Amino acid sequence: MAESRGDFSEELPPATAERLKIYEYLLRKWQPKINLVSESTLADIWNRHFRDSYQLFNIVGSWARWVDLGSGGGFPGLVVAIANADPDRSVHLIEADKRKVAFLREVSRETKTAVEIHSGRIEAVLPSLCDRQKFDIVSARGLAPLADLVRLAAPALKSGALGVFLKGKDFASELTNLHALSNFDNCVAQSRSDPCARIILLRWNQSSSPRV
């Protein structure tokens, strides 16, 4: 399995690399029972999933509270939690599929990673979380079209969170079709794991009229 790691594991702090090796083992163990990632990406887990998630550390700047929507197999939120070395930071994962919640909890337990895992639909969980605390980052990967992500993430975005959404090769059409984008200051960053992919960064513009 080491061939899938490439040089990326050597770029990481040793403790983070060891945790991700455990993560990789558990993902391969659970994959036949639950569709956690696309089968075509199993040979390249470290680049397609771990590097893809880890790169956000170099993009988002400082943060204290992070919430990840529709975490699924844990990307990017659980990788962020595993790589986080600051005990004053907190990472929250929201996932509706109870089998995937069980997987996330096992990875958290086996890697000794502090993370808050919330079982339920985003529409029900996120507003309640945002009533109790302010998030600096709200993220999602492969969850829904950008217009839908904006609506789902609205409770966090409207309270000041930076939206960080990993998108594939169709990112341009999603941006073009997002009529509500005028409510946001936005930029697009190149993905380090896929030359065709981009990272969409959105910040709610408090002076704009609400449309989401």
N, C-alpha and C. Protein backbone atom coordinates (compact mmCIF):
# COMPACT_ATOMS: atom_id res chain seq x y z
N MET A 1 0.82 -1.21 0.00
CA MET A 1 0.00 0.00 0.00
C MET A 1 0.85 1.26 0.00
N ALA A 2 2.12 1.13 0.33
CA ALA A 2 2.97 2.31 0.47
C ALA A 2 3.12 3.07 -0.84
N GLU A 3 2.94 2.35 -1.98
CA GLU A 3 3.15 3.02 -3.25
C GLU A 3 2.16 4.16 -3.46
N SER A 4 1.01 4.12 -2.82
CA SER A 4 0.01 5.18 -3.00
C SER A 4 0.39 6.46 -2.26
N ARG A 5 1.37 6.38 -1.36
CA ARG A 5 1.71 7.55 -0.55
C ARG A 5 2.60 8.54 -1.30
N GLY A 6 3.36 8.04 -2.26
CA GLY A 6 4.25 8.92 -2.99
C GLY A 6 5.18 9.65 -2.05
N ASP A 7 5.45 10.90 -2.35
CA ASP A 7 6.33 11.71 -1.50
C ASP A 7 5.56 12.50 -0.45
N PHE A 8 4.23 12.47 -0.52
CA PHE A 8 3.45 13.34 0.36
C PHE A 8 3.66 13.02 1.83
N SER A 9 3.71 11.74 2.19
CA SER A 9 3.88 11.38 3.60
C SER A 9 5.19 11.92 4.16
N GLU A 10 6.20 12.09 3.30
CA GLU A 10 7.49 12.61 3.75
C GLU A 10 7.45 14.11 4.02
N GLU A 11 6.42 14.78 3.51
CA GLU A 11 6.27 16.23 3.74
C GLU A 11 5.61 16.52 5.08
N LEU A 12 5.06 15.50 5.71
CA LEU A 12 4.25 15.68 6.91
C LEU A 12 5.04 15.48 8.19
N PRO A 13 4.60 16.07 9.30
CA PRO A 13 5.17 15.72 10.60
C PRO A 13 4.99 14.22 10.82
N PRO A 14 5.97 13.54 11.41
CA PRO A 14 5.89 12.09 11.58
C PRO A 14 4.60 11.61 12.25
N ALA A 15 4.14 12.34 13.27
CA ALA A 15 2.93 11.92 13.99
C ALA A 15 1.71 11.97 13.07
N THR A 16 1.64 13.01 12.23
CA THR A 16 0.52 13.12 11.29
C THR A 16 0.57 12.01 10.26
N ALA A 17 1.75 11.72 9.73
CA ALA A 17 1.90 10.65 8.74
C ALA A 17 1.47 9.30 9.32
N GLU A 18 1.83 9.04 10.57
CA GLU A 18 1.45 7.78 11.21
C GLU A 18 -0.06 7.68 11.38
N ARG A 19 -0.69 8.77 11.76
CA ARG A 19 -2.15 8.77 11.91
C ARG A 19 -2.82 8.53 10.56
N LEU A 20 -2.29 9.13 9.52
CA LEU A 20 -2.89 8.95 8.19
C LEU A 20 -2.69 7.52 7.68
N LYS A 21 -1.61 6.87 8.07
CA LYS A 21 -1.42 5.47 7.70
C LYS A 21 -2.50 4.60 8.35
N ILE A 22 -2.84 4.90 9.60
CA ILE A 22 -3.93 4.19 10.27
C ILE A 22 -5.25 4.46 9.55
N TYR A 23 -5.45 5.72 9.20
CA TYR A 23 -6.65 6.14 8.45
C TYR A 23 -6.74 5.34 7.15
N GLU A 24 -5.64 5.28 6.42
CA GLU A 24 -5.63 4.54 5.15
C GLU A 24 -6.02 3.08 5.37
N TYR A 25 -5.44 2.45 6.39
CA TYR A 25 -5.76 1.05 6.69
C TYR A 25 -7.26 0.87 6.95
N LEU A 26 -7.82 1.75 7.78
CA LEU A 26 -9.24 1.64 8.13
C LEU A 26 -10.14 1.92 6.93
N LEU A 27 -9.75 2.87 6.09
CA LEU A 27 -10.54 3.17 4.90
C LEU A 27 -10.59 1.95 3.98
N ARG A 28 -9.44 1.30 3.79
CA ARG A 28 -9.41 0.11 2.93
C ARG A 28 -10.21 -1.04 3.56
N LYS A 29 -10.18 -1.12 4.87
CA LYS A 29 -10.92 -2.17 5.58
C LYS A 29 -12.43 -1.98 5.45
N TRP A 30 -12.89 -0.72 5.56
CA TRP A 30 -14.33 -0.43 5.52
C TRP A 30 -14.89 -0.31 4.11
N GLN A 31 -14.05 0.03 3.14
CA GLN A 31 -14.51 0.32 1.78
C GLN A 31 -15.38 -0.79 1.17
N PRO A 32 -15.05 -2.07 1.35
CA PRO A 32 -15.91 -3.11 0.76
C PRO A 32 -17.33 -3.13 1.34
N LYS A 33 -17.48 -2.60 2.56
CA LYS A 33 -18.80 -2.60 3.22
C LYS A 33 -19.56 -1.29 2.98
N ILE A 34 -18.83 -0.18 2.88
CA ILE A 34 -19.43 1.14 2.68
C ILE A 34 -18.68 1.84 1.57
N ASN A 35 -19.40 2.48 0.68
CA ASN A 35 -18.74 3.22 -0.40
C ASN A 35 -18.26 4.56 0.12
N LEU A 36 -17.04 4.57 0.66
CA LEU A 36 -16.48 5.78 1.27
C LEU A 36 -15.82 6.69 0.25
N VAL A 37 -15.16 6.10 -0.74
CA VAL A 37 -14.51 6.85 -1.82
C VAL A 37 -14.73 6.10 -3.13
N SER A 38 -14.51 6.78 -4.23
CA SER A 38 -14.62 6.13 -5.53
C SER A 38 -13.56 5.02 -5.64
N GLU A 39 -13.99 3.85 -6.15
CA GLU A 39 -13.07 2.72 -6.29
C GLU A 39 -11.85 3.09 -7.14
N SER A 40 -12.04 3.98 -8.11
CA SER A 40 -10.94 4.34 -9.00
C SER A 40 -9.85 5.13 -8.30
N THR A 41 -10.12 5.64 -7.11
CA THR A 41 -9.13 6.45 -6.39
C THR A 41 -8.38 5.67 -5.32
N LEU A 42 -8.71 4.40 -5.12
CA LEU A 42 -8.09 3.62 -4.04
C LEU A 42 -6.59 3.45 -4.21
N ALA A 43 -6.13 3.45 -5.45
CA ALA A 43 -4.69 3.29 -5.69
C ALA A 43 -3.92 4.58 -5.45
N ASP A 44 -4.64 5.68 -5.21
CA ASP A 44 -3.99 6.98 -5.05
C ASP A 44 -4.59 7.74 -3.87
N ILE A 45 -4.84 7.04 -2.77
CA ILE A 45 -5.49 7.63 -1.61
C ILE A 45 -4.72 8.84 -1.08
N TRP A 46 -3.41 8.75 -1.03
CA TRP A 46 -2.62 9.81 -0.40
C TRP A 46 -2.66 11.11 -1.17
N ASN A 47 -2.74 11.03 -2.48
CA ASN A 47 -2.83 12.26 -3.27
C ASN A 47 -4.27 12.70 -3.43
N ARG A 48 -5.16 11.80 -3.84
CA ARG A 48 -6.53 12.17 -4.18
C ARG A 48 -7.36 12.57 -2.97
N HIS A 49 -7.01 12.03 -1.80
CA HIS A 49 -7.83 12.30 -0.62
C HIS A 49 -7.07 13.00 0.51
N PHE A 50 -5.90 12.48 0.87
CA PHE A 50 -5.17 13.08 1.98
C PHE A 50 -4.52 14.41 1.59
N ARG A 51 -3.78 14.45 0.49
CA ARG A 51 -3.18 15.71 0.05
C ARG A 51 -4.26 16.73 -0.32
N ASP A 52 -5.30 16.26 -0.97
CA ASP A 52 -6.38 17.14 -1.40
C ASP A 52 -6.99 17.86 -0.19
N SER A 53 -7.13 17.15 0.92
CA SER A 53 -7.69 17.75 2.13
C SER A 53 -6.66 18.59 2.88
N TYR A 54 -5.45 18.07 3.00
CA TYR A 54 -4.40 18.73 3.78
C TYR A 54 -4.01 20.08 3.20
N GLN A 55 -4.12 20.25 1.89
CA GLN A 55 -3.70 21.49 1.25
C GLN A 55 -4.47 22.71 1.77
N LEU A 56 -5.63 22.48 2.37
CA LEU A 56 -6.43 23.60 2.85
C LEU A 56 -5.72 24.36 3.96
N PHE A 57 -4.82 23.70 4.69
CA PHE A 57 -4.07 24.38 5.74
C PHE A 57 -3.28 25.57 5.19
N ASN A 58 -2.83 25.46 3.95
CA ASN A 58 -2.01 26.52 3.34
C ASN A 58 -2.85 27.61 2.69
N ILE A 59 -4.17 27.49 2.77
CA ILE A 59 -5.06 28.39 2.06
C ILE A 59 -5.92 29.23 2.99
N VAL A 60 -6.39 28.62 4.08
CA VAL A 60 -7.45 29.26 4.87
C VAL A 60 -6.97 30.29 5.90
N GLY A 61 -5.68 30.30 6.23
CA GLY A 61 -5.21 31.24 7.24
C GLY A 61 -5.53 30.76 8.65
N SER A 62 -5.58 31.67 9.61
CA SER A 62 -5.80 31.29 11.00
C SER A 62 -7.27 30.96 11.24
N TRP A 63 -7.52 30.05 12.17
CA TRP A 63 -8.89 29.66 12.51
C TRP A 63 -8.90 28.99 13.88
N ALA A 64 -10.07 29.00 14.50
CA ALA A 64 -10.24 28.36 15.80
C ALA A 64 -11.29 27.26 15.75
N ARG A 65 -12.36 27.47 14.95
CA ARG A 65 -13.43 26.47 14.85
C ARG A 65 -13.76 26.20 13.38
N TRP A 66 -13.79 24.94 13.05
CA TRP A 66 -13.99 24.49 11.67
C TRP A 66 -15.16 23.52 11.65
N VAL A 67 -16.08 23.67 10.69
CA VAL A 67 -17.18 22.72 10.53
C VAL A 67 -17.18 22.20 9.10
N ASP A 68 -17.26 20.89 8.96
CA ASP A 68 -17.23 20.23 7.65
C ASP A 68 -18.59 19.60 7.39
N LEU A 69 -19.16 19.87 6.21
CA LEU A 69 -20.51 19.44 5.88
C LEU A 69 -20.50 18.16 5.04
N GLY A 70 -21.36 17.22 5.39
CA GLY A 70 -21.45 15.98 4.64
C GLY A 70 -20.12 15.27 4.57
N SER A 71 -19.52 15.01 5.73
CA SER A 71 -18.12 14.58 5.80
C SER A 71 -17.86 13.23 5.14
N GLY A 72 -18.85 12.35 5.06
CA GLY A 72 -18.68 11.09 4.34
C GLY A 72 -17.52 10.27 4.88
N GLY A 73 -16.51 10.04 4.03
CA GLY A 73 -15.33 9.31 4.44
C GLY A 73 -14.34 10.13 5.23
N GLY A 74 -14.67 11.41 5.46
CA GLY A 74 -13.80 12.24 6.31
C GLY A 74 -13.01 13.31 5.59
N PHE A 75 -13.38 13.58 4.32
CA PHE A 75 -12.61 14.55 3.53
C PHE A 75 -13.43 15.80 3.24
N PRO A 76 -12.88 16.96 3.56
CA PRO A 76 -11.55 17.21 4.15
C PRO A 76 -11.52 17.23 5.67
N GLY A 77 -12.67 17.23 6.34
CA GLY A 77 -12.72 17.57 7.76
C GLY A 77 -11.90 16.69 8.68
N LEU A 78 -11.96 15.37 8.49
CA LEU A 78 -11.23 14.50 9.41
C LEU A 78 -9.73 14.59 9.20
N VAL A 79 -9.30 14.79 7.96
CA VAL A 79 -7.86 15.00 7.71
C VAL A 79 -7.40 16.27 8.39
N VAL A 80 -8.20 17.32 8.33
CA VAL A 80 -7.88 18.58 9.02
C VAL A 80 -7.74 18.33 10.52
N ALA A 81 -8.66 17.56 11.09
CA ALA A 81 -8.61 17.27 12.53
C ALA A 81 -7.37 16.46 12.89
N ILE A 82 -7.03 15.48 12.06
CA ILE A 82 -5.84 14.65 12.31
C ILE A 82 -4.57 15.48 12.24
N ALA A 83 -4.52 16.40 11.28
CA ALA A 83 -3.32 17.22 11.09
C ALA A 83 -3.22 18.38 12.07
N ASN A 84 -4.32 18.72 12.72
CA ASN A 84 -4.33 19.86 13.62
C ASN A 84 -3.50 19.58 14.87
N ALA A 85 -2.56 20.45 15.14
CA ALA A 85 -1.69 20.27 16.31
C ALA A 85 -2.01 21.25 17.43
N ASP A 86 -3.03 22.07 17.25
CA ASP A 86 -3.37 23.10 18.24
C ASP A 86 -4.58 22.63 19.06
N PRO A 87 -4.39 22.34 20.35
CA PRO A 87 -5.51 21.84 21.18
C PRO A 87 -6.62 22.86 21.40
N ASP A 88 -6.34 24.14 21.12
CA ASP A 88 -7.37 25.17 21.28
C ASP A 88 -8.30 25.26 20.08
N ARG A 89 -7.97 24.57 19.00
CA ARG A 89 -8.83 24.54 17.83
C ARG A 89 -9.83 23.37 17.94
N SER A 90 -10.99 23.52 17.32
CA SER A 90 -11.95 22.42 17.29
C SER A 90 -12.46 22.20 15.87
N VAL A 91 -12.66 20.93 15.52
CA VAL A 91 -13.17 20.55 14.20
C VAL A 91 -14.45 19.76 14.40
N HIS A 92 -15.49 20.14 13.66
CA HIS A 92 -16.79 19.48 13.74
C HIS A 92 -17.12 18.85 12.39
N LEU A 93 -17.60 17.63 12.41
CA LEU A 93 -18.02 16.92 11.20
C LEU A 93 -19.51 16.65 11.27
N ILE A 94 -20.22 16.91 10.19
CA ILE A 94 -21.66 16.63 10.12
C ILE A 94 -21.89 15.58 9.03
N GLU A 95 -22.52 14.47 9.40
CA GLU A 95 -22.78 13.38 8.46
C GLU A 95 -24.11 12.70 8.81
N ALA A 96 -24.95 12.50 7.79
CA ALA A 96 -26.28 11.92 8.01
C ALA A 96 -26.28 10.39 7.96
N ASP A 97 -25.35 9.79 7.21
CA ASP A 97 -25.31 8.34 7.06
C ASP A 97 -24.70 7.72 8.32
N LYS A 98 -25.48 6.92 9.04
CA LYS A 98 -25.03 6.37 10.32
C LYS A 98 -23.84 5.42 10.16
N ARG A 99 -23.75 4.73 9.03
CA ARG A 99 -22.60 3.85 8.79
C ARG A 99 -21.32 4.66 8.64
N LYS A 100 -21.42 5.77 7.94
CA LYS A 100 -20.25 6.63 7.77
C LYS A 100 -19.88 7.32 9.08
N VAL A 101 -20.90 7.64 9.88
CA VAL A 101 -20.63 8.20 11.22
C VAL A 101 -19.84 7.19 12.04
N ALA A 102 -20.22 5.91 11.96
CA ALA A 102 -19.50 4.87 12.69
C ALA A 102 -18.05 4.77 12.22
N PHE A 103 -17.85 4.89 10.91
CA PHE A 103 -16.48 4.87 10.37
C PHE A 103 -15.68 6.06 10.89
N LEU A 104 -16.26 7.25 10.84
CA LEU A 104 -15.56 8.45 11.30
C LEU A 104 -15.17 8.30 12.77
N ARG A 105 -16.06 7.73 13.57
CA ARG A 105 -15.77 7.56 14.99
C ARG A 105 -14.66 6.56 15.21
N GLU A 106 -14.62 5.51 14.40
CA GLU A 106 -13.54 4.53 14.56
C GLU A 106 -12.19 5.15 14.19
N VAL A 107 -12.15 5.91 13.10
CA VAL A 107 -10.88 6.57 12.72
C VAL A 107 -10.45 7.54 13.81
N SER A 108 -11.41 8.31 14.33
CA SER A 108 -11.10 9.24 15.42
C SER A 108 -10.52 8.51 16.61
N ARG A 109 -11.14 7.38 16.97
CA ARG A 109 -10.69 6.62 18.13
C ARG A 109 -9.31 5.99 17.89
N GLU A 110 -9.13 5.35 16.74
CA GLU A 110 -7.88 4.63 16.48
C GLU A 110 -6.70 5.57 16.24
N THR A 111 -6.97 6.77 15.74
CA THR A 111 -5.88 7.74 15.52
C THR A 111 -5.72 8.70 16.70
N LYS A 112 -6.59 8.52 17.71
CA LYS A 112 -6.57 9.40 18.90
C LYS A 112 -6.70 10.87 18.49
N THR A 113 -7.70 11.12 17.64
CA THR A 113 -7.94 12.47 17.11
C THR A 113 -9.14 13.10 17.78
N ALA A 114 -8.95 14.28 18.32
CA ALA A 114 -10.06 15.02 18.92
C ALA A 114 -10.89 15.65 17.82
N VAL A 115 -12.16 15.26 17.72
CA VAL A 115 -13.05 15.80 16.70
C VAL A 115 -14.48 15.62 17.19
N GLU A 116 -15.34 16.58 16.86
CA GLU A 116 -16.75 16.51 17.22
C GLU A 116 -17.53 15.98 16.01
N ILE A 117 -18.18 14.84 16.17
CA ILE A 117 -18.91 14.22 15.07
C ILE A 117 -20.41 14.30 15.36
N HIS A 118 -21.15 14.90 14.44
CA HIS A 118 -22.58 15.11 14.61
C HIS A 118 -23.34 14.28 13.59
N SER A 119 -24.21 13.40 14.07
CA SER A 119 -25.00 12.53 13.20
C SER A 119 -26.34 13.18 12.91
N GLY A 120 -26.58 13.50 11.64
CA GLY A 120 -27.85 14.13 11.27
C GLY A 120 -27.71 14.90 9.98
N ARG A 121 -28.84 15.40 9.50
CA ARG A 121 -28.85 16.19 8.28
C ARG A 121 -28.29 17.59 8.54
N ILE A 122 -27.60 18.11 7.56
CA ILE A 122 -26.98 19.43 7.70
C ILE A 122 -28.00 20.49 8.06
N GLU A 123 -29.15 20.44 7.40
CA GLU A 123 -30.19 21.44 7.61
C GLU A 123 -30.66 21.48 9.07
N ALA A 124 -30.59 20.34 9.75
CA ALA A 124 -31.02 20.27 11.14
C ALA A 124 -29.89 20.56 12.11
N VAL A 125 -28.68 20.12 11.78
CA VAL A 125 -27.56 20.20 12.73
C VAL A 125 -26.86 21.56 12.70
N LEU A 126 -26.56 22.08 11.50
CA LEU A 126 -25.74 23.29 11.41
C LEU A 126 -26.37 24.50 12.06
N PRO A 127 -27.66 24.81 11.83
CA PRO A 127 -28.22 26.00 12.49
C PRO A 127 -28.10 25.93 14.01
N SER A 128 -28.31 24.74 14.58
CA SER A 128 -28.20 24.58 16.03
C SER A 128 -26.78 24.82 16.50
N LEU A 129 -25.81 24.29 15.76
CA LEU A 129 -24.40 24.51 16.12
C LEU A 129 -24.04 25.99 16.06
N CYS A 130 -24.52 26.66 15.01
CA CYS A 130 -24.19 28.08 14.82
C CYS A 130 -24.87 28.97 15.86
N ASP A 131 -25.95 28.49 16.45
CA ASP A 131 -26.58 29.24 17.53
C ASP A 131 -25.72 29.23 18.79
N ARG A 132 -24.88 28.19 18.93
CA ARG A 132 -24.09 28.02 20.15
C ARG A 132 -22.67 28.52 20.02
N GLN A 133 -22.14 28.59 18.79
CA GLN A 133 -20.75 28.99 18.60
C GLN A 133 -20.55 29.56 17.20
N LYS A 134 -19.46 30.31 17.05
CA LYS A 134 -19.14 30.94 15.77
C LYS A 134 -18.04 30.13 15.09
N PHE A 135 -18.25 29.78 13.85
CA PHE A 135 -17.25 29.04 13.09
C PHE A 135 -16.45 29.98 12.19
N ASP A 136 -15.16 29.68 12.07
CA ASP A 136 -14.28 30.46 11.20
C ASP A 136 -14.23 29.89 9.79
N ILE A 137 -14.39 28.56 9.68
CA ILE A 137 -14.33 27.87 8.39
C ILE A 137 -15.51 26.93 8.27
N VAL A 138 -16.14 26.92 7.09
CA VAL A 138 -17.12 25.89 6.76
C VAL A 138 -16.68 25.27 5.44
N SER A 139 -16.54 23.94 5.41
CA SER A 139 -15.99 23.27 4.23
C SER A 139 -16.90 22.16 3.74
N ALA A 140 -16.66 21.75 2.49
CA ALA A 140 -17.37 20.61 1.91
C ALA A 140 -16.59 20.14 0.68
N ARG A 141 -16.71 18.85 0.41
CA ARG A 141 -16.02 18.26 -0.75
C ARG A 141 -16.94 17.22 -1.38
N GLY A 142 -17.22 17.40 -2.65
CA GLY A 142 -18.02 16.42 -3.38
C GLY A 142 -19.41 16.22 -2.84
N LEU A 143 -19.96 17.24 -2.22
CA LEU A 143 -21.26 17.09 -1.55
C LEU A 143 -22.43 17.47 -2.44
N ALA A 144 -22.34 18.62 -3.10
CA ALA A 144 -23.48 19.15 -3.86
C ALA A 144 -22.99 20.25 -4.78
N PRO A 145 -23.80 20.66 -5.77
CA PRO A 145 -23.45 21.83 -6.58
C PRO A 145 -23.25 23.06 -5.69
N LEU A 146 -22.47 24.00 -6.18
CA LEU A 146 -22.10 25.16 -5.38
C LEU A 146 -23.30 25.96 -4.88
N ALA A 147 -24.32 26.10 -5.72
CA ALA A 147 -25.50 26.85 -5.31
C ALA A 147 -26.17 26.19 -4.10
N ASP A 148 -26.21 24.86 -4.09
CA ASP A 148 -26.79 24.14 -2.96
C ASP A 148 -25.90 24.24 -1.73
N LEU A 149 -24.58 24.20 -1.95
CA LEU A 149 -23.65 24.33 -0.82
C LEU A 149 -23.82 25.68 -0.11
N VAL A 150 -24.01 26.72 -0.90
CA VAL A 150 -24.20 28.04 -0.31
C VAL A 150 -25.43 28.07 0.58
N ARG A 151 -26.50 27.43 0.12
CA ARG A 151 -27.72 27.39 0.94
C ARG A 151 -27.51 26.56 2.20
N LEU A 152 -26.86 25.41 2.06
CA LEU A 152 -26.63 24.54 3.21
C LEU A 152 -25.73 25.20 4.25
N ALA A 153 -24.72 25.91 3.75
CA ALA A 153 -23.72 26.52 4.64
C ALA A 153 -24.13 27.89 5.15
N ALA A 154 -25.28 28.40 4.72
CA ALA A 154 -25.70 29.77 5.03
C ALA A 154 -25.62 30.13 6.51
N PRO A 155 -26.03 29.26 7.46
CA PRO A 155 -25.94 29.66 8.87
C PRO A 155 -24.52 30.01 9.30
N ALA A 156 -23.53 29.28 8.79
CA ALA A 156 -22.14 29.57 9.14
C ALA A 156 -21.61 30.75 8.34
N LEU A 157 -21.94 30.80 7.04
CA LEU A 157 -21.45 31.89 6.19
C LEU A 157 -21.95 33.25 6.67
N LYS A 158 -23.22 33.31 7.03
CA LYS A 158 -23.80 34.58 7.44
C LYS A 158 -23.28 35.07 8.79
N SER A 159 -22.69 34.16 9.56
CA SER A 159 -22.11 34.58 10.84
C SER A 159 -20.61 34.83 10.72
N GLY A 160 -20.10 34.83 9.46
CA GLY A 160 -18.73 35.24 9.24
C GLY A 160 -17.75 34.17 8.83
N ALA A 161 -18.19 32.91 8.70
CA ALA A 161 -17.26 31.83 8.33
C ALA A 161 -16.81 31.98 6.87
N LEU A 162 -15.60 31.56 6.61
CA LEU A 162 -15.07 31.46 5.25
C LEU A 162 -15.53 30.13 4.67
N GLY A 163 -16.20 30.17 3.53
CA GLY A 163 -16.60 28.96 2.85
C GLY A 163 -15.45 28.42 2.02
N VAL A 164 -15.13 27.13 2.21
CA VAL A 164 -14.02 26.49 1.50
C VAL A 164 -14.57 25.22 0.84
N PHE A 165 -14.75 25.28 -0.47
CA PHE A 165 -15.43 24.19 -1.17
C PHE A 165 -14.53 23.64 -2.27
N LEU A 166 -14.18 22.37 -2.16
CA LEU A 166 -13.32 21.72 -3.15
C LEU A 166 -14.17 21.25 -4.32
N LYS A 167 -13.76 21.67 -5.53
CA LYS A 167 -14.55 21.41 -6.72
C LYS A 167 -13.69 20.79 -7.82
N GLY A 168 -14.35 20.00 -8.69
CA GLY A 168 -13.67 19.35 -9.79
C GLY A 168 -13.63 20.18 -11.05
N LYS A 169 -13.52 19.50 -12.18
CA LYS A 169 -13.28 20.19 -13.45
C LYS A 169 -14.43 21.07 -13.91
N ASP A 170 -15.64 20.87 -13.35
CA ASP A 170 -16.79 21.66 -13.76
C ASP A 170 -17.00 22.90 -12.89
N PHE A 171 -15.97 23.30 -12.16
CA PHE A 171 -16.10 24.42 -11.24
C PHE A 171 -16.54 25.72 -11.94
N ALA A 172 -16.06 25.95 -13.16
CA ALA A 172 -16.35 27.21 -13.84
C ALA A 172 -17.85 27.36 -14.12
N SER A 173 -18.48 26.28 -14.57
CA SER A 173 -19.92 26.35 -14.86
C SER A 173 -20.72 26.55 -13.58
N GLU A 174 -20.25 25.98 -12.47
CA GLU A 174 -20.95 26.17 -11.20
C GLU A 174 -20.87 27.63 -10.75
N LEU A 175 -19.73 28.24 -10.95
CA LEU A 175 -19.59 29.65 -10.59
C LEU A 175 -20.47 30.53 -11.47
N THR A 176 -20.50 30.23 -12.76
CA THR A 176 -21.29 31.01 -13.70
C THR A 176 -22.78 30.93 -13.38
N ASN A 177 -23.21 29.75 -12.95
CA ASN A 177 -24.63 29.52 -12.70
C ASN A 177 -25.08 29.91 -11.30
N LEU A 178 -24.16 30.40 -10.47
CA LEU A 178 -24.50 30.74 -9.09
C LEU A 178 -24.94 32.20 -9.02
N HIS A 179 -26.23 32.43 -9.13
CA HIS A 179 -26.76 33.80 -9.13
C HIS A 179 -26.53 34.48 -7.78
N ALA A 180 -26.47 33.68 -6.71
CA ALA A 180 -26.31 34.27 -5.38
C ALA A 180 -24.88 34.69 -5.10
N LEU A 181 -23.96 34.45 -6.06
CA LEU A 181 -22.55 34.75 -5.81
C LEU A 181 -22.32 36.24 -5.58
N SER A 182 -23.21 37.07 -6.04
CA SER A 182 -23.06 38.51 -5.84
C SER A 182 -23.10 38.87 -4.35
N ASN A 183 -23.57 37.94 -3.52
CA ASN A 183 -23.58 38.18 -2.08
C ASN A 183 -22.22 37.96 -1.44
N PHE A 184 -21.26 37.48 -2.22
CA PHE A 184 -20.00 37.04 -1.65
C PHE A 184 -18.78 37.70 -2.29
N ASP A 185 -17.77 37.91 -1.47
CA ASP A 185 -16.43 38.13 -1.99
C ASP A 185 -15.86 36.74 -2.22
N ASN A 186 -15.25 36.51 -3.37
CA ASN A 186 -14.81 35.15 -3.67
C ASN A 186 -13.49 35.13 -4.42
N CYS A 187 -12.81 34.00 -4.31
CA CYS A 187 -11.63 33.77 -5.13
C CYS A 187 -11.53 32.27 -5.40
N VAL A 188 -10.73 31.92 -6.38
CA VAL A 188 -10.57 30.54 -6.80
C VAL A 188 -9.10 30.19 -6.72
N ALA A 189 -8.78 29.10 -5.99
CA ALA A 189 -7.39 28.66 -5.83
C ALA A 189 -7.17 27.36 -6.58
N GLN A 190 -5.99 27.21 -7.15
CA GLN A 190 -5.62 25.99 -7.86
C GLN A 190 -5.41 24.85 -6.87
N SER A 191 -5.94 23.69 -7.18
CA SER A 191 -5.73 22.51 -6.35
C SER A 191 -4.31 21.98 -6.55
N ARG A 192 -3.70 21.53 -5.45
CA ARG A 192 -2.37 20.92 -5.53
C ARG A 192 -2.44 19.43 -5.86
N SER A 193 -3.64 18.84 -5.74
CA SER A 193 -3.75 17.39 -5.95
C SER A 193 -4.29 17.02 -7.32
N ASP A 194 -4.90 17.98 -8.02
CA ASP A 194 -5.50 17.72 -9.32
C ASP A 194 -5.45 19.00 -10.15
N PRO A 195 -4.73 18.99 -11.26
CA PRO A 195 -4.60 20.21 -12.06
C PRO A 195 -5.92 20.73 -12.62
N CYS A 196 -6.94 19.87 -12.70
CA CYS A 196 -8.23 20.29 -13.22
C CYS A 196 -9.17 20.80 -12.13
N ALA A 197 -8.79 20.63 -10.88
CA ALA A 197 -9.68 20.98 -9.77
C ALA A 197 -9.34 22.35 -9.20
N ARG A 198 -10.30 22.92 -8.49
CA ARG A 198 -10.12 24.23 -7.87
C ARG A 198 -10.72 24.22 -6.46
N ILE A 199 -10.31 25.20 -5.67
CA ILE A 199 -10.87 25.41 -4.34
C ILE A 199 -11.57 26.76 -4.37
N ILE A 200 -12.87 26.75 -4.12
CA ILE A 200 -13.67 27.97 -4.14
C ILE A 200 -13.74 28.53 -2.73
N LEU A 201 -13.33 29.78 -2.57
CA LEU A 201 -13.35 30.46 -1.27
C LEU A 201 -14.39 31.56 -1.32
N LEU A 202 -15.34 31.50 -0.40
CA LEU A 202 -16.43 32.47 -0.36
C LEU A 202 -16.53 33.13 1.01
N ARG A 203 -16.68 34.45 1.00
CA ARG A 203 -16.89 35.20 2.24
C ARG A 203 -18.14 36.05 2.08
N TRP A 204 -19.11 35.89 2.98
CA TRP A 204 -20.35 36.65 2.93
C TRP A 204 -20.07 38.14 3.01
N ASN A 205 -20.63 38.87 2.07
CA ASN A 205 -20.49 40.31 2.05
C ASN A 205 -21.63 40.93 2.83
N GLN A 206 -21.31 41.43 4.00
CA GLN A 206 -22.36 41.91 4.92
C GLN A 206 -23.18 43.07 4.33
N SER A 207 -22.63 43.78 3.35
CA SER A 207 -23.34 44.93 2.76
C SER A 207 -24.29 44.51 1.64
N SER A 208 -24.24 43.22 1.25
CA SER A 208 -25.11 42.76 0.15
C SER A 208 -26.48 42.41 0.68
N SER A 209 -27.46 42.40 -0.21
CA SER A 209 -28.81 42.00 0.18
C SER A 209 -28.90 40.49 0.19
N PRO A 210 -29.55 39.90 1.18
CA PRO A 210 -29.58 38.43 1.29
C PRO A 210 -30.36 37.77 0.16
N ARG A 211 -29.77 36.69 -0.41
CA ARG A 211 -30.44 35.95 -1.46
C ARG A 211 -30.36 34.45 -1.23
N VAL A 212 -29.66 33.99 -0.19
CA VAL A 212 -29.53 32.56 0.03
C VAL A 212 -30.49 32.10 1.09
